[in-house]
Amino acid sequence: MFIMMSESEVHVSDINSEFYGVTTQELMENAGRGVFQFIVKNLKPKEKNIILFCGKGNNGGDGFVAARYLSKKYKVTVFLMGKSKDIHTKIAKNNYEKLKDLPIEIFDIDNLDKTNELIQKNSVILDSMLGVGIKGELREPFKSIVKKINKSKNKTIVSVDIPTGLGTKLSVKSEYTITFHDIKDNMNKKNSGTIKIVDIKIPKKAVQYVGPGELVTFYPKPDKESHKGENGKVLVIGGGPFIGAPALSGFSALRTGADLVYILTPKIPAKAITSFSPKLISPRRLSEDIAKLSPNLIVRELNNDRKITPADLEIIKDFFDKTDCLIIGPGLGTDNLTKEAVKKIIKDFKKNNKPMVIDADAIEAVGEDRDLIKNTKTVITPHAGEFKKLTKVSLSKNIDERKKNVKKWAKKLGVTIILKGSVDIISDGEQIKLNDVHNQAMTVGGTGDVLTGIVGCLLSKKVSPYNSARVSVFINGCAGNYAFEKKSYGLIATDIIEEIPNVLKKYL
């Protein structure tokens, strides 16, 4: 069974393919060859004259490859919808240049006056002008060419991947559409003709596992005109018996690109987080790193020295309107008063219809009243033990069984779950992805708090819960791998935080 692919998922899978070993050049070659094989097998045009209208992007690149193969059997004409110097990608341009040594007639945008004649003398028209990702209605010269193609008589019209203009008021009326890997959003027989799916050898892992495709596609780069606070304000509620956890979440949110982070925590952790004294935090390396960064956090002391209680709610409520996302759980502990406070905080915060990350000790509190998070914009980040506290289900070690349970409970609760493990499982109840980008040294304490901060940052930037989760596990794991290259088995959580900007720099 094929699942319709959205524009964004096509983009994700293309980038992840390269990450998992199949280059975009190979995908383009496979796509063009697939078009050729379809023509040979299914159409067998008597007159053997074929014209390809090719765009300047990778959809056009697929057409260039197809033209190269088709020229071995047919009389081929290529019409480039622009100038060769304007072809968008290097691989598409390379495939265009290869056509010049073949018996192919090539025309470009300077020859618009010849398009009627070219259409008339070719029995097969291949539309390889625009793929997924078109914004707005068709513009010239595409608009005029599409109208001419649609008005042509007794022609076999074949679109490559999708009909140009699909989803707009004007699109190519294809008899056939040769699409790659899966059917794309909104395609059907009425608007795309007979649809043929061609396997272009996208690795299964590129679709089933997260990779840089998620980061490139879903990370929202700040607008140049934006101001402080417009790119994410995160509220972290945590700390008590464990001091470093909320700080780690806060710092990782900042390193991922949040503008502001507020940490609400009991008095002792608040003093530690804002102190330059290494005596208050252990181990020493962690304390020193936190001391260097702590002035960037906005820390507010709550009422109690060592734990969050329901009495803190009045202070906490003041920050709900100031922030875009709530992180709750890191370092809280499981005192009964704290669990009561957690439930009240979540109940009040969700009235704002803002996203939340439920982590660590807050998971146990939610497990006692799952309705608190039902059908909310929540990402919950349990390991297997915490998953049992949430659901009362003991997970087997079998990955397929784990996937079924994570997806089932994500759907049942109406949230996104990141099940942390040797293979992370991410699901919103409908979609599911896996992640194995990390290393065994990341079992060190605090790495989960780092992940939580990354998720919170992306949620605060209005990324959907499911996409925030899948991007975050990749950033966290990739940063952990960078840290491992430098620190080996001696890495600690702050090493991962410091590598987050390097991950962003590499892929964005």
Protein backbone atom coordinates (compact mmCIF):
# COMPACT_ATOMS: atom_id res chain seq x y z
CA MET A 1 0.00 0.00 0.00
CA PHE A 2 1.34 3.41 -0.97
CA ILE A 3 1.01 6.46 1.23
CA MET A 4 0.71 9.88 -0.38
CA MET A 5 3.87 11.91 0.17
CA SER A 6 3.70 15.60 0.94
CA GLU A 7 6.14 18.08 -0.55
CA SER A 8 8.04 18.26 2.72
CA GLU A 9 8.36 14.47 3.03
CA VAL A 10 9.69 14.25 -0.52
CA HIS A 11 12.34 16.79 0.47
CA VAL A 12 13.15 14.86 3.65
CA SER A 13 13.56 11.55 1.86
CA ASP A 14 15.78 13.03 -0.86
CA ILE A 15 18.19 14.51 1.69
CA ASN A 16 18.12 11.44 3.91
CA SER A 17 18.88 9.25 0.89
CA GLU A 18 22.22 10.95 0.49
CA PHE A 19 22.88 10.61 4.23
CA TYR A 20 22.15 6.89 4.05
CA GLY A 21 24.25 6.19 0.98
CA VAL A 22 22.33 6.93 -2.22
CA THR A 23 23.27 10.26 -3.77
CA THR A 24 20.87 12.69 -5.39
CA GLN A 25 22.76 12.07 -8.64
CA GLU A 26 21.91 8.36 -8.39
CA LEU A 27 18.26 9.14 -7.62
CA MET A 28 18.07 11.40 -10.66
CA GLU A 29 19.69 8.78 -12.86
CA ASN A 30 17.24 6.13 -11.62
CA ALA A 31 14.31 8.48 -12.17
CA GLY A 32 15.28 9.35 -15.74
CA ARG A 33 15.93 5.71 -16.57
CA GLY A 34 12.54 4.82 -15.10
CA VAL A 35 10.84 7.32 -17.41
CA PHE A 36 12.67 5.84 -20.41
CA GLN A 37 11.70 2.28 -19.47
CA PHE A 38 8.05 3.30 -19.08
CA ILE A 39 8.03 4.93 -22.53
CA VAL A 40 9.63 1.90 -24.17
CA LYS A 41 7.38 -0.62 -22.45
CA ASN A 42 4.03 1.16 -22.51
CA LEU A 43 3.80 3.77 -25.23
CA LYS A 44 5.78 2.59 -28.25
CA PRO A 45 4.92 5.69 -30.29
CA LYS A 46 4.69 4.99 -34.01
CA GLU A 47 6.27 8.24 -35.10
CA LYS A 48 9.01 8.02 -32.50
CA ASN A 49 9.19 11.78 -32.04
CA ILE A 50 9.35 12.95 -28.41
CA ILE A 51 9.65 16.44 -26.96
CA LEU A 52 10.55 17.07 -23.35
CA PHE A 53 9.69 20.39 -21.71
CA CYS A 54 12.22 20.61 -18.87
CA GLY A 55 12.37 23.05 -15.98
CA LYS A 56 15.47 24.50 -14.31
CA GLY A 57 15.30 22.37 -11.15
CA ASN A 58 15.74 18.71 -10.35
CA ASN A 59 12.43 17.83 -12.01
CA GLY A 60 14.00 19.15 -15.20
CA GLY A 61 17.12 17.16 -14.34
CA ASP A 62 15.04 13.97 -14.33
CA GLY A 63 13.89 14.97 -17.82
CA PHE A 64 17.46 15.53 -19.02
CA VAL A 65 18.42 12.01 -17.93
CA ALA A 66 15.31 10.58 -19.59
CA ALA A 67 16.17 12.45 -22.79
CA ARG A 68 19.65 10.92 -22.79
CA TYR A 69 18.23 7.39 -22.63
CA LEU A 70 15.36 8.11 -25.02
CA SER A 71 17.76 9.44 -27.68
CA LYS A 72 19.02 5.87 -28.19
CA LYS A 73 15.64 4.80 -29.60
CA TYR A 74 13.71 7.93 -30.54
CA LYS A 75 14.07 11.32 -32.17
CA VAL A 76 14.26 13.58 -29.13
CA THR A 77 13.80 17.32 -28.67
CA VAL A 78 14.43 19.12 -25.39
CA PHE A 79 12.93 22.52 -24.62
CA LEU A 80 14.54 24.18 -21.58
CA MET A 81 12.21 26.52 -19.70
CA GLY A 82 14.94 29.07 -19.15
CA LYS A 83 18.62 29.51 -19.97
CA SER A 84 21.27 26.89 -19.22
CA LYS A 85 23.11 29.30 -16.91
CA ASP A 86 20.00 29.48 -14.73
CA ILE A 87 19.66 25.74 -14.05
CA HIS A 88 19.31 25.55 -10.29
CA THR A 89 21.36 22.53 -9.23
CA LYS A 90 24.76 21.23 -10.17
CA ILE A 91 23.54 17.71 -10.90
CA ALA A 92 20.74 18.95 -13.15
CA LYS A 93 23.20 21.17 -15.01
CA ASN A 94 25.66 18.27 -15.44
CA ASN A 95 22.91 16.14 -16.95
CA TYR A 96 21.92 18.99 -19.27
CA GLU A 97 25.50 19.35 -20.51
CA LYS A 98 25.61 15.64 -21.38
CA LEU A 99 22.83 16.19 -23.92
CA LYS A 100 25.02 18.37 -26.11
CA ASP A 101 27.04 15.40 -27.34
CA LEU A 102 23.95 13.43 -28.35
CA PRO A 103 21.64 13.60 -31.40
CA ILE A 104 19.14 15.77 -29.51
CA GLU A 105 17.68 19.08 -30.67
CA ILE A 106 17.85 21.58 -27.81
CA PHE A 107 15.82 24.78 -27.55
CA ASP A 108 15.50 27.24 -24.70
CA ILE A 109 13.41 30.19 -23.61
CA ASP A 110 14.72 32.31 -26.51
CA ASN A 111 12.77 29.99 -28.84
CA LEU A 112 9.29 30.44 -27.39
CA ASP A 113 8.01 31.38 -30.82
CA LYS A 114 8.76 27.82 -32.03
CA THR A 115 6.81 25.94 -29.34
CA ASN A 116 3.63 25.53 -31.41
CA GLU A 117 5.62 24.03 -34.25
CA LEU A 118 7.59 21.75 -31.91
CA ILE A 119 4.46 20.47 -30.19
CA GLN A 120 2.82 19.82 -33.56
CA LYS A 121 5.62 17.67 -34.95
CA ASN A 122 6.12 15.48 -31.85
CA SER A 123 3.74 12.66 -31.00
CA VAL A 124 4.78 12.35 -27.35
CA ILE A 125 5.08 15.28 -24.93
CA LEU A 126 6.99 14.77 -21.70
CA ASP A 127 6.25 17.34 -19.01
CA SER A 128 9.29 17.66 -16.75
CA MET A 129 8.90 21.33 -15.94
CA LEU A 130 7.96 21.67 -12.26
CA GLY A 131 7.87 19.13 -9.45
CA VAL A 132 6.60 19.35 -5.89
CA GLY A 133 7.05 22.63 -4.09
CA ILE A 134 5.42 25.08 -6.49
CA LYS A 135 4.24 28.22 -4.69
CA GLY A 136 1.23 30.11 -5.97
CA GLU A 137 -0.24 29.99 -9.45
CA LEU A 138 1.77 29.25 -12.58
CA ARG A 139 3.69 32.17 -14.03
CA GLU A 140 5.03 32.75 -17.51
CA PRO A 141 6.42 31.07 -19.51
CA PHE A 142 5.03 27.96 -17.75
CA LYS A 143 1.47 29.22 -17.95
CA SER A 144 1.52 29.60 -21.73
CA ILE A 145 3.33 26.32 -22.34
CA VAL A 146 0.90 24.36 -20.16
CA LYS A 147 -2.04 25.88 -22.08
CA LYS A 148 -0.43 24.92 -25.41
CA ILE A 149 0.22 21.36 -24.24
CA ASN A 150 -3.37 21.00 -23.02
CA LYS A 151 -4.76 22.29 -26.33
CA SER A 152 -2.67 19.92 -28.43
CA LYS A 153 -4.53 17.17 -30.31
CA ASN A 154 -3.65 13.50 -30.69
CA LYS A 155 -0.62 13.70 -28.43
CA THR A 156 0.43 11.33 -25.68
CA ILE A 157 1.16 13.54 -22.67
CA VAL A 158 3.34 12.12 -19.88
CA SER A 159 4.27 14.00 -16.71
CA VAL A 160 7.41 13.32 -14.71
CA ASP A 161 6.80 12.90 -10.95
CA ILE A 162 3.76 15.23 -10.92
CA PRO A 163 1.89 17.19 -13.60
CA THR A 164 3.25 20.73 -13.75
CA GLY A 165 0.89 23.04 -11.88
CA LEU A 166 -0.81 20.29 -9.87
CA GLY A 167 -2.72 21.93 -7.04
CA THR A 168 -3.12 25.26 -8.87
CA LYS A 169 -5.88 26.50 -11.20
CA LEU A 170 -3.92 25.39 -14.27
CA SER A 171 -2.01 22.13 -14.65
CA VAL A 172 -0.88 19.77 -17.38
CA LYS A 173 -3.62 17.31 -18.35
CA SER A 174 -1.56 14.17 -18.41
CA GLU A 175 -2.54 10.83 -19.83
CA TYR A 176 0.17 9.26 -17.68
CA THR A 177 2.20 10.42 -14.70
CA ILE A 178 5.41 8.59 -13.81
CA THR A 179 5.96 9.34 -10.14
CA PHE A 180 8.88 8.30 -7.96
CA HIS A 181 8.89 6.23 -4.79
CA ASP A 182 5.30 7.04 -3.74
CA ILE A 183 2.22 8.89 -4.93
CA LYS A 184 2.45 12.57 -4.04
CA ASP A 185 -0.21 14.58 -2.21
CA ASN A 186 -3.44 15.22 -4.12
CA MET A 187 -2.59 13.00 -7.09
CA ASN A 188 -5.42 10.96 -8.59
CA LYS A 189 -6.49 9.56 -11.96
CA LYS A 190 -8.56 12.64 -12.76
CA ASN A 191 -5.71 15.15 -12.39
CA SER A 192 -2.74 12.90 -13.19
CA GLY A 193 -4.01 10.23 -15.58
CA THR A 194 -2.73 6.70 -15.15
CA ILE A 195 -0.16 6.84 -12.35
CA LYS A 196 2.93 4.66 -12.56
CA ILE A 197 5.14 4.46 -9.45
CA VAL A 198 8.82 3.94 -10.17
CA ASP A 199 11.24 2.71 -7.52
CA ILE A 200 14.28 4.99 -7.71
CA LYS A 201 16.10 3.12 -4.93
CA ILE A 202 15.58 5.53 -2.07
CA PRO A 203 16.99 3.51 0.85
CA LYS A 204 14.36 2.17 3.24
CA LYS A 205 16.32 3.73 6.06
CA ALA A 206 15.97 7.18 4.48
CA VAL A 207 12.22 6.88 4.94
CA GLN A 208 12.01 4.87 8.16
CA TYR A 209 14.74 6.70 10.12
CA VAL A 210 15.39 10.35 10.83
CA GLY A 211 18.31 12.15 9.26
CA PRO A 212 19.44 15.62 8.19
CA GLY A 213 16.40 15.81 5.90
CA GLU A 214 14.19 16.51 8.91
CA LEU A 215 16.50 19.24 10.16
CA VAL A 216 16.90 20.94 6.77
CA THR A 217 13.18 20.76 6.01
CA PHE A 218 11.61 21.71 9.33
CA TYR A 219 14.05 23.95 11.20
CA PRO A 220 12.64 27.51 11.01
CA LYS A 221 15.47 29.93 10.32
CA PRO A 222 14.84 33.35 11.92
CA ASP A 223 13.66 36.15 9.70
CA LYS A 224 16.26 38.89 9.27
CA GLU A 225 13.75 41.46 10.50
CA SER A 226 12.75 39.53 13.63
CA HIS A 227 13.39 40.85 17.13
CA LYS A 228 14.36 39.33 20.48
CA GLY A 229 11.70 36.95 21.68
CA GLU A 230 10.10 36.33 18.30
CA ASN A 231 12.07 33.12 17.71
CA GLY A 232 11.05 31.15 20.74
CA LYS A 233 10.62 31.72 24.48
CA VAL A 234 10.90 28.58 26.58
CA LEU A 235 9.71 28.02 30.14
CA VAL A 236 11.56 25.29 32.06
CA ILE A 237 10.09 24.04 35.33
CA GLY A 238 12.31 21.55 37.12
CA GLY A 239 15.00 21.00 39.66
CA GLY A 240 14.87 20.22 43.36
CA PRO A 241 16.77 17.11 44.36
CA PHE A 242 18.63 17.26 41.02
CA ILE A 243 20.21 20.61 40.26
CA GLY A 244 21.82 20.34 36.85
CA ALA A 245 18.88 18.92 34.86
CA PRO A 246 16.82 22.10 34.29
CA ALA A 247 19.98 24.04 33.48
CA LEU A 248 20.96 21.49 30.84
CA SER A 249 17.51 21.72 29.24
CA GLY A 250 17.71 25.50 29.29
CA PHE A 251 21.18 25.67 27.77
CA SER A 252 20.35 23.18 25.03
CA ALA A 253 17.25 25.21 24.14
CA LEU A 254 19.43 28.31 23.82
CA ARG A 255 22.07 26.51 21.75
CA THR A 256 19.32 25.22 19.43
CA GLY A 257 18.20 28.77 18.77
CA ALA A 258 15.63 29.83 21.36
CA ASP A 259 15.68 33.58 22.04
CA LEU A 260 14.84 33.40 25.74
CA VAL A 261 14.75 30.69 28.40
CA TYR A 262 13.12 31.10 31.80
CA ILE A 263 13.89 28.55 34.50
CA LEU A 264 11.56 28.30 37.51
CA THR A 265 13.10 26.16 40.21
CA PRO A 266 13.41 25.86 44.02
CA LYS A 267 15.81 28.13 45.88
CA ILE A 268 18.86 25.89 46.09
CA PRO A 269 18.97 24.89 42.41
CA ALA A 270 18.21 28.50 41.45
CA LYS A 271 21.29 29.69 43.33
CA ALA A 272 23.38 26.93 41.80
CA ILE A 273 22.28 27.65 38.25
CA THR A 274 23.06 31.35 38.58
CA SER A 275 26.29 30.89 40.54
CA PHE A 276 29.83 30.92 39.32
CA SER A 277 30.88 28.74 42.26
CA PRO A 278 31.75 25.15 41.27
CA LYS A 279 31.13 24.05 44.87
CA LEU A 280 27.39 23.96 44.36
CA ILE A 281 27.29 21.57 41.41
CA SER A 282 28.88 18.20 40.82
CA PRO A 283 30.85 17.08 38.84
CA ARG A 284 33.26 19.99 38.70
CA ARG A 285 33.40 20.09 34.89
CA LEU A 286 29.64 20.39 34.70
CA SER A 287 29.60 23.17 37.28
CA GLU A 288 32.26 25.15 35.44
CA ASP A 289 30.47 24.89 32.10
CA ILE A 290 27.16 25.85 33.64
CA ALA A 291 28.80 28.80 35.40
CA LYS A 292 30.10 30.14 32.10
CA LEU A 293 26.66 30.04 30.50
CA SER A 294 24.30 30.71 33.38
CA PRO A 295 24.00 34.50 32.89
CA ASN A 296 22.12 33.73 29.65
CA LEU A 297 19.27 32.11 31.58
CA ILE A 298 16.50 34.00 33.33
CA VAL A 299 16.14 32.13 36.61
CA ARG A 300 13.34 32.66 39.12
CA GLU A 301 13.39 31.17 42.58
CA LEU A 302 10.27 29.45 43.84
CA ASN A 303 9.13 29.22 47.46
CA ASN A 304 10.74 26.03 48.74
CA ASP A 305 14.44 25.25 49.10
CA ARG A 306 14.44 21.79 47.53
CA LYS A 307 11.14 21.01 45.84
CA ILE A 308 8.32 22.45 43.75
CA THR A 309 4.97 22.53 45.53
CA PRO A 310 1.40 23.64 44.69
CA ALA A 311 2.13 26.88 46.53
CA ASP A 312 4.43 27.86 43.65
CA LEU A 313 1.60 27.93 41.13
CA GLU A 314 0.85 31.63 41.58
CA ILE A 315 4.45 32.53 40.70
CA ILE A 316 4.54 30.06 37.82
CA LYS A 317 1.30 31.29 36.22
CA ASP A 318 2.85 34.70 35.62
CA PHE A 319 5.19 33.13 33.07
CA PHE A 320 2.56 31.37 30.97
CA ASP A 321 1.81 34.42 28.82
CA LYS A 322 5.50 35.30 28.51
CA THR A 323 6.51 32.00 26.94
CA ASP A 324 5.72 29.86 23.89
CA CYS A 325 6.42 26.40 25.28
CA LEU A 326 6.58 24.61 28.64
CA ILE A 327 9.24 22.07 29.59
CA ILE A 328 8.38 20.31 32.82
CA GLY A 329 10.15 17.47 34.57
CA PRO A 330 13.95 17.70 34.50
CA GLY A 331 15.36 17.08 37.98
CA LEU A 332 12.00 17.41 39.80
CA GLY A 333 12.06 14.32 41.97
CA THR A 334 8.95 12.36 42.90
CA ASP A 335 7.81 13.95 46.14
CA ASN A 336 4.01 13.71 46.42
CA LEU A 337 3.63 17.48 46.76
CA THR A 338 5.75 17.94 43.63
CA LYS A 339 3.61 15.50 41.67
CA GLU A 340 0.51 17.37 42.78
CA ALA A 341 2.12 20.63 41.63
CA VAL A 342 3.02 19.11 38.25
CA LYS A 343 -0.57 18.11 37.61
CA LYS A 344 -1.85 21.57 38.46
CA ILE A 345 0.77 23.31 36.35
CA ILE A 346 -0.01 21.18 33.28
CA LYS A 347 -3.74 21.60 33.78
CA ASP A 348 -3.42 25.38 33.84
CA PHE A 349 -0.79 25.72 31.12
CA LYS A 350 -2.68 23.68 28.55
CA LYS A 351 -5.56 26.18 28.69
CA ASN A 352 -3.32 28.46 26.60
CA ASN A 353 -3.19 25.85 23.81
CA LYS A 354 0.59 26.06 23.82
CA PRO A 355 2.93 23.09 23.38
CA MET A 356 4.59 21.18 26.21
CA VAL A 357 7.45 18.76 26.75
CA ILE A 358 6.85 16.26 29.56
CA ASP A 359 10.10 14.69 30.71
CA ALA A 360 11.69 12.68 33.49
CA ASP A 361 9.89 12.80 36.83
CA ALA A 362 6.88 14.64 35.40
CA ILE A 363 6.09 11.51 33.38
CA GLU A 364 5.22 9.58 36.53
CA ALA A 365 2.85 12.32 37.63
CA VAL A 366 1.14 12.33 34.23
CA GLY A 367 0.89 8.54 34.36
CA GLU A 368 -1.37 8.95 37.40
CA ASP A 369 -3.75 11.14 35.39
CA ARG A 370 -3.25 10.67 31.67
CA ASP A 371 -6.23 12.85 30.81
CA LEU A 372 -4.04 15.83 31.71
CA ILE A 373 -2.25 15.63 28.37
CA LYS A 374 -4.88 13.97 26.20
CA ASN A 375 -5.11 15.55 22.73
CA THR A 376 -2.67 18.35 23.52
CA LYS A 377 0.37 19.70 21.69
CA THR A 378 2.64 17.59 23.83
CA VAL A 379 5.88 15.72 23.31
CA ILE A 380 6.59 13.18 26.04
CA THR A 381 10.08 11.66 26.27
CA PRO A 382 10.15 8.41 28.26
CA HIS A 383 12.70 5.63 28.37
CA ALA A 384 11.27 2.13 28.78
CA GLY A 385 10.87 2.43 32.55
CA GLU A 386 9.11 5.77 32.29
CA PHE A 387 6.91 4.43 29.50
CA LYS A 388 5.66 1.82 31.96
CA LYS A 389 4.94 4.55 34.52
CA LEU A 390 2.98 6.40 31.87
CA THR A 391 1.05 3.49 30.38
CA LYS A 392 1.45 0.57 32.83
CA VAL A 393 2.82 -1.41 29.85
CA SER A 394 6.14 -3.27 30.04
CA LEU A 395 7.89 -3.05 26.69
CA SER A 396 9.55 -6.03 25.11
CA LYS A 397 12.97 -5.68 23.52
CA ASN A 398 11.54 -6.54 20.10
CA ILE A 399 11.64 -3.38 17.99
CA ASP A 400 8.43 -4.17 16.07
CA GLU A 401 6.50 -4.71 19.30
CA ARG A 402 7.90 -1.48 20.69
CA LYS A 403 6.84 0.41 17.58
CA LYS A 404 3.31 -0.94 17.85
CA ASN A 405 3.05 0.10 21.50
CA VAL A 406 4.50 3.57 21.01
CA LYS A 407 2.22 4.28 18.06
CA LYS A 408 -0.79 2.85 19.90
CA TRP A 409 -0.23 4.97 22.99
CA ALA A 410 0.62 8.11 21.05
CA LYS A 411 -2.71 7.74 19.25
CA LYS A 412 -4.58 6.88 22.44
CA LEU A 413 -3.24 9.92 24.26
CA GLY A 414 -3.24 12.26 21.26
CA VAL A 415 0.38 13.27 21.81
CA THR A 416 3.82 12.66 20.33
CA ILE A 417 6.02 10.14 22.11
CA ILE A 418 9.80 9.83 21.88
CA LEU A 419 10.70 6.45 23.33
CA LYS A 420 14.41 6.70 24.10
CA GLY A 421 16.55 3.62 23.63
CA SER A 422 19.26 2.01 21.52
CA VAL A 423 16.85 2.78 18.69
CA ASP A 424 14.62 5.76 19.48
CA ILE A 425 10.99 5.49 18.37
CA ILE A 426 9.03 8.64 17.54
CA SER A 427 5.32 8.60 16.83
CA ASP A 428 2.27 10.85 16.90
CA GLY A 429 -0.09 7.91 16.59
CA GLU A 430 -0.30 8.20 12.80
CA GLN A 431 3.30 8.53 11.66
CA ILE A 432 6.36 6.81 13.03
CA LYS A 433 10.11 7.25 12.67
CA LEU A 434 13.18 5.62 14.16
CA ASN A 435 16.56 7.03 15.15
CA ASP A 436 19.90 5.35 15.70
CA VAL A 437 22.09 8.43 15.28
CA HIS A 438 23.82 8.40 18.68
CA ASN A 439 26.47 6.42 20.54
CA GLN A 440 26.88 4.28 23.64
CA ALA A 441 28.66 7.01 25.60
CA MET A 442 25.41 8.99 25.60
CA THR A 443 24.09 6.89 28.46
CA VAL A 444 25.78 9.44 30.72
CA GLY A 445 23.38 11.45 32.87
CA GLY A 446 21.93 14.61 31.42
CA THR A 447 21.68 13.66 27.75
CA GLY A 448 17.93 13.25 28.09
CA ASP A 449 17.70 16.74 29.56
CA VAL A 450 19.61 18.05 26.55
CA LEU A 451 17.15 16.35 24.19
CA THR A 452 14.24 17.84 26.13
CA GLY A 453 15.64 21.35 25.71
CA ILE A 454 16.06 20.88 21.97
CA VAL A 455 12.46 19.70 21.64
CA GLY A 456 11.25 22.65 23.71
CA CYS A 457 13.16 25.11 21.56
CA LEU A 458 11.62 23.82 18.33
CA LEU A 459 8.13 23.75 19.81
CA SER A 460 8.59 27.36 20.88
CA LYS A 461 9.40 28.17 17.25
CA LYS A 462 5.99 26.79 16.19
CA VAL A 463 7.31 23.54 14.72
CA SER A 464 4.68 20.80 15.09
CA PRO A 465 5.17 18.32 17.96
CA TYR A 466 5.93 15.37 15.68
CA ASN A 467 8.39 17.31 13.54
CA SER A 468 9.99 18.87 16.62
CA ALA A 469 10.52 15.39 18.04
CA ARG A 470 12.08 13.89 14.92
CA VAL A 471 14.35 16.88 14.30
CA SER A 472 15.42 16.91 17.94
CA VAL A 473 16.52 13.31 18.18
CA PHE A 474 18.71 13.85 15.12
CA ILE A 475 20.26 17.06 16.48
CA ASN A 476 20.87 15.49 19.87
CA GLY A 477 22.34 12.29 18.47
CA CYS A 478 24.46 14.04 15.88
CA ALA A 479 25.83 16.47 18.49
CA GLY A 480 26.53 13.48 20.73
CA ASN A 481 28.50 11.82 17.94
CA TYR A 482 30.52 15.00 17.38
CA ALA A 483 31.24 15.14 21.11
CA PHE A 484 32.24 11.47 21.13
CA GLU A 485 34.84 12.13 18.42
CA LYS A 486 36.51 14.61 20.79
CA LYS A 487 35.83 13.18 24.24
CA SER A 488 35.34 9.46 23.60
CA TYR A 489 33.75 7.68 26.55
CA GLY A 490 34.50 10.66 28.79
CA LEU A 491 31.89 12.91 27.22
CA ILE A 492 29.34 14.62 29.45
CA ALA A 493 26.08 16.33 28.70
CA THR A 494 27.53 19.81 28.33
CA ASP A 495 29.87 18.52 25.61
CA ILE A 496 26.77 17.61 23.60
CA ILE A 497 25.25 21.06 24.16
CA GLU A 498 28.39 22.72 22.84
CA GLU A 499 28.22 20.66 19.64
CA ILE A 500 24.60 21.60 18.80
CA PRO A 501 25.64 24.78 16.91
CA ASN A 502 28.06 22.69 14.82
CA VAL A 503 25.22 20.42 13.76
CA LEU A 504 23.11 23.44 12.78
CA LYS A 505 26.06 24.99 10.97
CA LYS A 506 26.70 21.85 8.92
CA TYR A 507 23.17 21.26 7.69
CA LEU A 508 21.39 24.63 7.64
